[in-house]
Amino acid sequence: MNGRVFRRGKTWSYVVDVGAHGDGRRRQRMKGGFATKRDADRALREVLRTLDTGTYVAASSLTLGGFLADEWLPAMRPPTLRATTWTEYARKVRCHVIPRLGQIPLQRLSPAHLNAFYAELITAGRVDGTGGLSPKTVREIHVIVRKALKDAVRWGRVNRNVAALADPPSQRSAVASRRRTMRTWTPAQLRRFLSEDLDERLGYAWVLAGTTGLRRSELLGLRWADVDLTAARLAVRQRLANVDGHPELSEPKSNRSGRVVDLDERTVAALRARRTQQAEHRLMCGPAWHDLDLVVTREDGLWIHPDWFSELFRRRVAALGLPKIRLHDLRHTHATLLLQAGVNAKIVSERLGHHSVAFTLDTYAHVIPGMQSDAVRRLSALIDDPAADPSREHDATQDGM
């Protein structure tokens, strides 16, 4: 491959052969405007290096918005991504990324562009104009942009992923913002929510949500085939998620989300009563019954829309006069009460289907200080009271053998 540097007026330029067209004609790339010959030589060497390593990217006027809307999002459609994941990616790209960065040529996008973009989202990113987005949401948008640009590199659209050089909100700030939006109930408040009879037919569902920590989608997607009332456990094997406003059954959110959850006596009793209730509904509906094998359903066996389920939860909370929390905060309440009861964080993590124990501890760090105080008191008692030393019992057992 040939290339040369030459002077044009007061500046320097280079021209280089970058291959051949399909008809055999040479393709050349030329760039000018360099202040010195050395600058032009350096730029030419970089082009020659990318040609040698196979990482050369032809110049293009394609914008970031054009790449995302016309190439990347279509390529990511299910089954490449889960339907719920793709819907969320598309929403964030179309609501936040394209309006602010869409007109920038893809090959001219820089870390500075992204840093300014993230800062703007923090201060004024809400679509309704009422303020900024949380660091957690901005970081999620960064993850989408980084993945899209990684694919752009792989597809030969750009030669580097500038998102990897940008500075989104830190993971720590994202976790802190998650904690700020988290609201949990006390044991007494949860007890009242689960016990109060408001003459409604979803009591079993509230018990299931409050005592298992299932996500909304997991709760609404639970099948009787995955419930073992004799063994008092259930398996999370599918979910009912909201995709573009429509319920859709799919596999669990991740490999760790598919899990087995043990049930307490209250929940087993509620599910037994629910099964009897549902059998009565099936008889009343006759041919109109929807046989989906779902636990949480309407009276005709059809699923309950996820948004409507959240609204029913909100109404129940308001009717009981309990502190206002989101439906997802029942999951947080479940985890918090388990940790406060001294349950090992690994067990809590497995029960919730988290990807790691570290994530569980980061999310519920507000519970840890009280747990540490209790641990210190137990240690102090162990040191001060020789009779409480568990090793003495072990030694006594050894002596008797």
Foldseek 3Di string as FASTA:
>chain_A
DDKDKDDDPQKIKMKDFLQADPVGHTDMDMDIDHRDSVVRVVVVVVQVVCSVVVQHADDDQQFPLCCVPPPVLVVCDPPVPPLVVSLVLVVCCVQQVCVQRRNHRPQPDALVSLQVSQVCQQFQVDSVRPGHDALLVSVVNLVSLQVSQVVCSVVRNYVDRRSVVHDRDDPLSNLVSLLVQADADDPVLLCCLQPDCPPDDCSLLSVCCLQQLEDLFQSLQFFPVQDDLVQQKGWRFWGFDQRVNDTDIDGDPDPLQTAMTGHDPVNSVSQVVQVVQLVVLCVVCPPQADPPRTSADDSSPHTDRSVVVQVVVQVSCVVVVHPDHGSSSSSVNNLLVCVLVVHDLVVSCSSNSHPDSVVSCSNVVVSVVVVVVVVVVVVVCCVVDVVNPPVVVVVVVVVVD
